[in-house]
N, C-alpha and C. Protein backbone atom coordinates (compact mmCIF):
# COMPACT_ATOMS: atom_id res chain seq x y z
N UNK A 1 -32.83 -8.56 -51.70
CA UNK A 1 -32.78 -7.48 -50.76
C UNK A 1 -31.53 -7.62 -49.90
N UNK A 2 -31.04 -6.49 -49.57
CA UNK A 2 -29.81 -6.47 -48.80
C UNK A 2 -30.13 -6.16 -47.34
N UNK A 3 -29.66 -7.00 -46.47
CA UNK A 3 -29.90 -6.75 -45.05
C UNK A 3 -28.75 -5.93 -44.48
N UNK A 4 -29.12 -4.90 -43.82
CA UNK A 4 -28.11 -4.08 -43.15
C UNK A 4 -28.35 -4.16 -41.66
N UNK A 5 -27.29 -4.36 -40.98
CA UNK A 5 -27.36 -4.43 -39.52
C UNK A 5 -26.77 -3.14 -38.98
N UNK A 6 -27.57 -2.46 -38.25
CA UNK A 6 -27.09 -1.22 -37.66
C UNK A 6 -26.37 -1.55 -36.35
N UNK A 7 -25.12 -1.20 -36.32
CA UNK A 7 -24.35 -1.38 -35.08
C UNK A 7 -24.65 -0.23 -34.14
N UNK A 8 -24.88 -0.59 -32.94
CA UNK A 8 -25.06 0.44 -31.93
C UNK A 8 -23.71 1.06 -31.62
N UNK A 9 -23.67 2.36 -31.48
CA UNK A 9 -22.39 2.95 -31.06
C UNK A 9 -22.08 2.56 -29.62
N UNK A 10 -20.84 2.44 -29.34
CA UNK A 10 -20.41 2.00 -28.00
C UNK A 10 -20.38 3.18 -27.05
N UNK A 11 -21.54 3.64 -26.63
CA UNK A 11 -21.61 4.80 -25.73
C UNK A 11 -21.11 4.44 -24.33
N UNK A 12 -21.67 3.41 -23.77
CA UNK A 12 -21.29 3.03 -22.40
C UNK A 12 -19.87 2.48 -22.36
N UNK A 13 -19.52 1.69 -23.35
CA UNK A 13 -18.17 1.13 -23.40
C UNK A 13 -17.12 2.21 -23.55
N UNK A 14 -17.40 3.21 -24.40
CA UNK A 14 -16.44 4.30 -24.59
C UNK A 14 -16.33 5.15 -23.33
N UNK A 15 -17.45 5.45 -22.70
CA UNK A 15 -17.40 6.24 -21.46
C UNK A 15 -16.67 5.47 -20.36
N UNK A 16 -16.93 4.17 -20.27
CA UNK A 16 -16.22 3.35 -19.28
C UNK A 16 -14.74 3.27 -19.57
N UNK A 17 -14.38 3.15 -20.84
CA UNK A 17 -12.97 3.10 -21.23
C UNK A 17 -12.26 4.40 -20.85
N UNK A 18 -12.89 5.53 -21.15
CA UNK A 18 -12.28 6.82 -20.81
C UNK A 18 -12.13 7.00 -19.30
N UNK A 19 -13.16 6.63 -18.56
CA UNK A 19 -13.08 6.74 -17.10
C UNK A 19 -12.03 5.78 -16.53
N UNK A 20 -11.93 4.59 -17.11
CA UNK A 20 -10.93 3.63 -16.66
C UNK A 20 -9.52 4.14 -16.89
N UNK A 21 -9.28 4.72 -18.06
CA UNK A 21 -7.95 5.29 -18.35
C UNK A 21 -7.64 6.44 -17.39
N UNK A 22 -8.63 7.30 -17.14
CA UNK A 22 -8.42 8.42 -16.23
C UNK A 22 -8.09 7.92 -14.82
N UNK A 23 -8.82 6.92 -14.35
CA UNK A 23 -8.55 6.40 -13.00
C UNK A 23 -7.18 5.72 -12.93
N UNK A 24 -6.81 5.03 -13.99
CA UNK A 24 -5.50 4.36 -14.00
C UNK A 24 -4.37 5.38 -13.98
N UNK A 25 -4.52 6.48 -14.70
CA UNK A 25 -3.50 7.53 -14.70
C UNK A 25 -3.40 8.17 -13.32
N UNK A 26 -4.54 8.44 -12.69
CA UNK A 26 -4.51 9.05 -11.35
C UNK A 26 -3.87 8.11 -10.34
N UNK A 27 -4.18 6.82 -10.43
CA UNK A 27 -3.57 5.84 -9.52
C UNK A 27 -2.06 5.78 -9.74
N UNK A 28 -1.61 5.80 -10.98
CA UNK A 28 -0.17 5.79 -11.25
C UNK A 28 0.51 7.03 -10.69
N UNK A 29 -0.12 8.18 -10.82
CA UNK A 29 0.46 9.40 -10.27
C UNK A 29 0.52 9.32 -8.74
N UNK A 30 -0.53 8.81 -8.12
CA UNK A 30 -0.54 8.68 -6.66
C UNK A 30 0.54 7.71 -6.19
N UNK A 31 0.72 6.61 -6.90
CA UNK A 31 1.74 5.64 -6.49
C UNK A 31 3.14 6.19 -6.69
N UNK A 32 3.35 6.98 -7.73
CA UNK A 32 4.68 7.56 -7.93
C UNK A 32 4.95 8.66 -6.91
N UNK A 33 3.91 9.31 -6.41
CA UNK A 33 4.09 10.34 -5.39
C UNK A 33 4.47 9.73 -4.04
N UNK A 34 4.24 8.43 -3.87
CA UNK A 34 4.60 7.76 -2.62
C UNK A 34 6.10 7.79 -2.39
N UNK A 35 6.88 7.75 -3.47
CA UNK A 35 8.33 7.68 -3.36
C UNK A 35 9.01 9.05 -3.43
N UNK A 36 8.25 10.13 -3.36
CA UNK A 36 8.87 11.45 -3.35
C UNK A 36 9.67 11.62 -2.07
N UNK A 37 10.77 12.38 -2.15
CA UNK A 37 11.55 12.58 -0.93
C UNK A 37 10.77 13.39 0.09
N UNK A 38 11.01 13.07 1.34
CA UNK A 38 10.32 13.77 2.42
C UNK A 38 10.86 15.19 2.52
N UNK A 39 10.03 16.09 3.03
CA UNK A 39 10.41 17.49 3.10
C UNK A 39 11.53 17.73 4.12
N UNK A 40 11.48 17.06 5.25
CA UNK A 40 12.45 17.31 6.30
C UNK A 40 13.09 15.99 6.72
N UNK A 41 14.34 16.08 7.13
CA UNK A 41 15.01 14.90 7.65
C UNK A 41 14.66 14.73 9.12
N UNK A 42 14.96 13.56 9.65
CA UNK A 42 14.64 13.30 11.06
C UNK A 42 15.47 14.17 11.99
N UNK A 43 16.70 14.48 11.60
CA UNK A 43 17.55 15.34 12.44
C UNK A 43 16.99 16.75 12.55
N UNK A 44 16.49 17.28 11.44
CA UNK A 44 15.93 18.63 11.51
C UNK A 44 14.62 18.64 12.30
N UNK A 45 13.85 17.57 12.22
CA UNK A 45 12.62 17.49 12.99
C UNK A 45 12.93 17.44 14.48
N UNK A 46 13.95 16.66 14.86
CA UNK A 46 14.34 16.58 16.28
C UNK A 46 14.87 17.92 16.75
N UNK A 47 15.62 18.61 15.90
CA UNK A 47 16.12 19.94 16.26
C UNK A 47 14.99 20.94 16.45
N UNK A 48 13.97 20.87 15.60
CA UNK A 48 12.82 21.77 15.75
C UNK A 48 12.04 21.47 17.03
N UNK A 49 11.91 20.18 17.36
CA UNK A 49 11.23 19.82 18.61
C UNK A 49 12.00 20.34 19.81
N UNK A 50 13.33 20.22 19.78
CA UNK A 50 14.15 20.71 20.89
C UNK A 50 14.03 22.23 21.02
N UNK A 51 14.01 22.94 19.89
CA UNK A 51 13.86 24.39 19.93
C UNK A 51 12.49 24.79 20.47
N UNK A 52 11.45 24.05 20.08
CA UNK A 52 10.11 24.33 20.59
C UNK A 52 10.03 24.10 22.10
N UNK A 53 10.69 23.06 22.59
CA UNK A 53 10.69 22.79 24.04
C UNK A 53 11.40 23.92 24.78
N UNK A 54 12.52 24.37 24.22
CA UNK A 54 13.27 25.46 24.86
C UNK A 54 12.45 26.74 24.89
N UNK A 55 11.78 27.06 23.78
CA UNK A 55 10.98 28.29 23.72
C UNK A 55 9.77 28.21 24.65
N UNK A 56 9.14 27.04 24.72
CA UNK A 56 7.98 26.91 25.60
C UNK A 56 8.40 26.97 27.07
N UNK A 57 9.57 26.43 27.40
CA UNK A 57 10.05 26.52 28.78
C UNK A 57 10.37 27.97 29.14
N UNK A 58 10.94 28.71 28.20
CA UNK A 58 11.25 30.13 28.46
C UNK A 58 9.96 30.92 28.62
N UNK A 59 8.95 30.64 27.83
CA UNK A 59 7.66 31.33 27.97
C UNK A 59 6.99 30.98 29.29
N UNK A 60 7.08 29.71 29.70
CA UNK A 60 6.46 29.30 30.96
C UNK A 60 7.13 29.99 32.15
N UNK A 61 8.47 30.12 32.11
CA UNK A 61 9.16 30.80 33.20
C UNK A 61 8.86 32.29 33.23
N UNK A 62 8.64 32.88 32.05
CA UNK A 62 8.35 34.31 31.97
C UNK A 62 6.87 34.59 32.24
N UNK A 63 6.04 33.59 32.24
CA UNK A 63 4.61 33.75 32.50
C UNK A 63 3.82 34.19 31.28
N UNK A 64 4.39 34.07 30.10
CA UNK A 64 3.70 34.44 28.86
C UNK A 64 2.78 33.30 28.43
N UNK A 65 1.66 33.64 27.78
CA UNK A 65 0.78 32.57 27.29
C UNK A 65 1.39 31.89 26.06
N UNK A 66 0.97 30.68 25.86
CA UNK A 66 1.45 29.91 24.71
C UNK A 66 0.85 30.47 23.42
N UNK A 67 1.64 30.52 22.35
CA UNK A 67 1.09 31.03 21.08
C UNK A 67 0.08 30.05 20.49
N UNK A 68 -0.80 30.58 19.66
CA UNK A 68 -1.79 29.72 19.01
C UNK A 68 -1.11 28.83 17.98
N UNK A 69 -1.61 27.62 17.88
CA UNK A 69 -1.04 26.68 16.94
C UNK A 69 -1.45 27.04 15.52
N UNK A 70 -0.52 26.84 14.62
CA UNK A 70 -0.86 27.03 13.21
C UNK A 70 -1.46 25.72 12.70
N UNK A 71 -2.55 25.80 11.96
CA UNK A 71 -3.17 24.56 11.48
C UNK A 71 -2.28 23.87 10.44
N UNK A 72 -2.23 22.56 10.54
CA UNK A 72 -1.45 21.80 9.58
C UNK A 72 -2.22 21.72 8.26
N UNK A 73 -1.51 21.75 7.15
CA UNK A 73 -2.22 21.67 5.87
C UNK A 73 -2.83 20.29 5.65
N UNK A 74 -3.98 20.29 5.02
CA UNK A 74 -4.69 19.03 4.77
C UNK A 74 -3.96 18.21 3.71
N UNK A 75 -3.98 16.91 3.86
CA UNK A 75 -3.41 15.99 2.88
C UNK A 75 -4.57 15.32 2.16
N UNK A 76 -4.74 15.64 0.91
CA UNK A 76 -5.88 15.14 0.15
C UNK A 76 -5.53 13.91 -0.70
N UNK A 77 -4.39 13.29 -0.46
CA UNK A 77 -3.99 12.17 -1.30
C UNK A 77 -4.93 10.97 -1.14
N UNK A 78 -5.42 10.73 0.08
CA UNK A 78 -6.34 9.59 0.28
C UNK A 78 -7.67 9.85 -0.42
N UNK A 79 -8.13 11.10 -0.38
CA UNK A 79 -9.39 11.42 -1.05
C UNK A 79 -9.26 11.24 -2.56
N UNK A 80 -8.11 11.64 -3.11
CA UNK A 80 -7.88 11.49 -4.55
C UNK A 80 -7.82 10.02 -4.92
N UNK A 81 -7.17 9.21 -4.10
CA UNK A 81 -7.08 7.77 -4.38
C UNK A 81 -8.45 7.12 -4.31
N UNK A 82 -9.23 7.46 -3.31
CA UNK A 82 -10.58 6.89 -3.18
C UNK A 82 -11.45 7.32 -4.35
N UNK A 83 -11.33 8.58 -4.76
CA UNK A 83 -12.11 9.06 -5.92
C UNK A 83 -11.70 8.32 -7.18
N UNK A 84 -10.40 8.08 -7.36
CA UNK A 84 -9.93 7.36 -8.55
C UNK A 84 -10.44 5.92 -8.53
N UNK A 85 -10.47 5.29 -7.37
CA UNK A 85 -10.98 3.92 -7.29
C UNK A 85 -12.49 3.88 -7.53
N UNK A 86 -13.20 4.92 -7.09
CA UNK A 86 -14.64 4.99 -7.39
C UNK A 86 -14.87 5.16 -8.89
N UNK A 87 -14.05 5.99 -9.53
CA UNK A 87 -14.16 6.16 -10.98
C UNK A 87 -13.84 4.86 -11.70
N UNK A 88 -12.88 4.09 -11.18
CA UNK A 88 -12.57 2.79 -11.76
C UNK A 88 -13.76 1.84 -11.61
N UNK A 89 -14.44 1.90 -10.48
CA UNK A 89 -15.64 1.09 -10.29
C UNK A 89 -16.74 1.49 -11.25
N UNK A 90 -16.89 2.79 -11.48
CA UNK A 90 -17.88 3.26 -12.45
C UNK A 90 -17.52 2.79 -13.84
N UNK A 91 -16.23 2.76 -14.16
CA UNK A 91 -15.79 2.27 -15.47
C UNK A 91 -16.15 0.80 -15.65
N UNK A 92 -15.98 0.01 -14.60
CA UNK A 92 -16.34 -1.41 -14.67
C UNK A 92 -17.85 -1.56 -14.89
N UNK A 93 -18.63 -0.77 -14.16
CA UNK A 93 -20.09 -0.84 -14.29
C UNK A 93 -20.52 -0.41 -15.69
N UNK A 94 -19.93 0.66 -16.22
CA UNK A 94 -20.29 1.11 -17.56
C UNK A 94 -19.89 0.08 -18.62
N UNK A 95 -18.75 -0.56 -18.43
CA UNK A 95 -18.36 -1.63 -19.34
C UNK A 95 -19.33 -2.80 -19.29
N UNK A 96 -19.79 -3.12 -18.08
CA UNK A 96 -20.80 -4.18 -17.94
C UNK A 96 -22.12 -3.81 -18.59
N UNK A 97 -22.52 -2.55 -18.45
CA UNK A 97 -23.75 -2.10 -19.10
C UNK A 97 -23.61 -2.17 -20.62
N UNK A 98 -22.43 -1.80 -21.11
CA UNK A 98 -22.18 -1.89 -22.54
C UNK A 98 -22.24 -3.32 -23.05
N UNK A 99 -21.74 -4.26 -22.27
CA UNK A 99 -21.83 -5.67 -22.66
C UNK A 99 -23.27 -6.15 -22.62
N UNK A 100 -24.03 -5.69 -21.63
CA UNK A 100 -25.42 -6.09 -21.51
C UNK A 100 -26.26 -5.56 -22.67
N UNK A 101 -25.95 -4.37 -23.11
CA UNK A 101 -26.71 -3.76 -24.20
C UNK A 101 -26.23 -4.19 -25.58
N UNK A 102 -25.33 -5.14 -25.64
CA UNK A 102 -24.78 -5.68 -26.90
C UNK A 102 -24.14 -4.61 -27.75
N UNK A 103 -23.43 -3.70 -27.12
CA UNK A 103 -22.62 -2.74 -27.85
C UNK A 103 -21.39 -3.49 -28.37
N UNK A 104 -20.61 -2.86 -29.25
CA UNK A 104 -19.36 -3.52 -29.67
C UNK A 104 -18.52 -3.87 -28.45
N UNK A 105 -18.07 -5.11 -28.43
CA UNK A 105 -17.50 -5.68 -27.20
C UNK A 105 -16.10 -5.18 -26.86
N UNK A 106 -15.35 -4.75 -27.82
CA UNK A 106 -13.94 -4.44 -27.56
C UNK A 106 -13.80 -3.33 -26.51
N UNK A 107 -14.50 -2.23 -26.68
CA UNK A 107 -14.38 -1.13 -25.71
C UNK A 107 -14.95 -1.53 -24.35
N UNK A 108 -16.02 -2.29 -24.35
CA UNK A 108 -16.60 -2.70 -23.07
C UNK A 108 -15.66 -3.63 -22.31
N UNK A 109 -15.02 -4.56 -23.02
CA UNK A 109 -14.05 -5.44 -22.36
C UNK A 109 -12.86 -4.63 -21.84
N UNK A 110 -12.41 -3.67 -22.63
CA UNK A 110 -11.27 -2.86 -22.19
C UNK A 110 -11.65 -1.98 -21.00
N UNK A 111 -12.88 -1.48 -20.96
CA UNK A 111 -13.33 -0.68 -19.81
C UNK A 111 -13.32 -1.51 -18.54
N UNK A 112 -13.84 -2.73 -18.63
CA UNK A 112 -13.86 -3.62 -17.47
C UNK A 112 -12.43 -3.98 -17.06
N UNK A 113 -11.60 -4.31 -18.03
CA UNK A 113 -10.22 -4.71 -17.73
C UNK A 113 -9.40 -3.60 -17.12
N UNK A 114 -9.51 -2.41 -17.66
CA UNK A 114 -8.72 -1.29 -17.13
C UNK A 114 -9.25 -0.86 -15.76
N UNK A 115 -10.57 -0.89 -15.57
CA UNK A 115 -11.12 -0.55 -14.26
C UNK A 115 -10.67 -1.53 -13.19
N UNK A 116 -10.69 -2.81 -13.52
CA UNK A 116 -10.24 -3.83 -12.56
C UNK A 116 -8.74 -3.70 -12.32
N UNK A 117 -7.98 -3.36 -13.36
CA UNK A 117 -6.53 -3.24 -13.19
C UNK A 117 -6.16 -2.08 -12.28
N UNK A 118 -6.98 -1.04 -12.21
CA UNK A 118 -6.71 0.05 -11.28
C UNK A 118 -6.82 -0.45 -9.83
N UNK A 119 -7.84 -1.27 -9.56
CA UNK A 119 -7.97 -1.87 -8.22
C UNK A 119 -6.81 -2.81 -7.92
N UNK A 120 -6.48 -3.65 -8.88
CA UNK A 120 -5.42 -4.64 -8.68
C UNK A 120 -4.07 -3.95 -8.49
N UNK A 121 -3.83 -2.88 -9.26
CA UNK A 121 -2.56 -2.18 -9.14
C UNK A 121 -2.39 -1.59 -7.74
N UNK A 122 -3.44 -1.00 -7.22
CA UNK A 122 -3.39 -0.43 -5.87
C UNK A 122 -3.12 -1.54 -4.84
N UNK A 123 -3.80 -2.65 -4.96
CA UNK A 123 -3.63 -3.76 -4.02
C UNK A 123 -2.23 -4.35 -4.12
N UNK A 124 -1.75 -4.59 -5.32
CA UNK A 124 -0.43 -5.20 -5.51
C UNK A 124 0.68 -4.27 -5.01
N UNK A 125 0.52 -2.96 -5.22
CA UNK A 125 1.52 -2.01 -4.74
C UNK A 125 1.65 -2.08 -3.23
N UNK A 126 0.53 -2.03 -2.52
CA UNK A 126 0.60 -2.07 -1.06
C UNK A 126 1.04 -3.43 -0.55
N UNK A 127 0.70 -4.48 -1.28
CA UNK A 127 1.19 -5.81 -0.92
C UNK A 127 2.70 -5.90 -1.07
N UNK A 128 3.25 -5.32 -2.14
CA UNK A 128 4.70 -5.31 -2.34
C UNK A 128 5.40 -4.50 -1.26
N UNK A 129 4.82 -3.36 -0.88
CA UNK A 129 5.40 -2.56 0.20
C UNK A 129 5.39 -3.34 1.51
N UNK A 130 4.30 -4.06 1.78
CA UNK A 130 4.21 -4.87 3.00
C UNK A 130 5.25 -5.99 3.00
N UNK A 131 5.43 -6.66 1.87
CA UNK A 131 6.42 -7.74 1.79
C UNK A 131 7.83 -7.20 1.99
N UNK A 132 8.13 -6.04 1.41
CA UNK A 132 9.45 -5.43 1.60
C UNK A 132 9.67 -5.04 3.05
N UNK A 133 8.64 -4.53 3.71
CA UNK A 133 8.77 -4.16 5.12
C UNK A 133 9.01 -5.38 5.99
N UNK A 134 8.33 -6.47 5.71
CA UNK A 134 8.54 -7.71 6.48
C UNK A 134 9.94 -8.24 6.24
N UNK A 135 10.41 -8.21 4.99
CA UNK A 135 11.77 -8.67 4.70
C UNK A 135 12.80 -7.80 5.42
N UNK A 136 12.57 -6.51 5.48
CA UNK A 136 13.48 -5.62 6.19
C UNK A 136 13.49 -5.92 7.69
N UNK A 137 12.31 -6.13 8.28
CA UNK A 137 12.25 -6.47 9.70
C UNK A 137 12.93 -7.80 10.00
N UNK A 138 12.76 -8.77 9.13
CA UNK A 138 13.41 -10.07 9.33
C UNK A 138 14.92 -9.92 9.29
N UNK A 139 15.43 -9.13 8.35
CA UNK A 139 16.88 -8.96 8.27
C UNK A 139 17.41 -8.19 9.47
N UNK A 140 16.66 -7.24 10.00
CA UNK A 140 17.10 -6.51 11.20
C UNK A 140 17.13 -7.44 12.40
N UNK A 141 16.10 -8.27 12.56
CA UNK A 141 16.05 -9.18 13.71
C UNK A 141 17.17 -10.22 13.60
N UNK A 142 17.45 -10.70 12.41
CA UNK A 142 18.52 -11.69 12.25
C UNK A 142 19.91 -11.11 12.55
N UNK A 143 20.08 -9.82 12.32
CA UNK A 143 21.39 -9.19 12.53
C UNK A 143 21.49 -8.46 13.86
N UNK A 144 20.55 -8.68 14.77
CA UNK A 144 20.61 -8.03 16.06
C UNK A 144 21.82 -8.43 16.88
N UNK A 145 22.27 -9.66 16.76
CA UNK A 145 23.43 -10.09 17.54
C UNK A 145 24.69 -9.34 17.10
N UNK A 146 24.80 -8.99 15.81
CA UNK A 146 25.96 -8.22 15.36
C UNK A 146 25.87 -6.76 15.79
N UNK A 147 24.67 -6.25 15.96
CA UNK A 147 24.51 -4.86 16.36
C UNK A 147 24.82 -4.68 17.84
N UNK A 148 24.43 -5.66 18.66
CA UNK A 148 24.58 -5.54 20.11
C UNK A 148 26.00 -5.84 20.60
N UNK A 149 26.85 -6.40 19.76
CA UNK A 149 28.21 -6.75 20.22
C UNK A 149 29.09 -5.56 20.33
């Protein structure tokens, strides 16, 4: 008699793998958006503030009421990042469930690995930004004597 072993399809591992890839792509897009050029330069912002002060002073002298403020547009980048990290956590959990249910291990391991790498990538990126900021501050403080002369 021939024994056949039925392999369980990797349902949880595959779902975790797909969610992990999706979260990793979203995190990469969010991190690349960090380096986009700013919309306005500091000089134009200072000029706009000066113009606003002049207009408000003219309105105050004329006795006109102040105009209503226009609402600033919402920035949803933090919500997208948090959602992507939650999806990465779900990918890790689904990979763990796949390992527990003895599904084929390759997809489950990859789901756990990619989900964890999304967390690590976010942490390492902000750690690198922090280290660069500290290095920049140290170089500014060390060169203060040349600036003040």
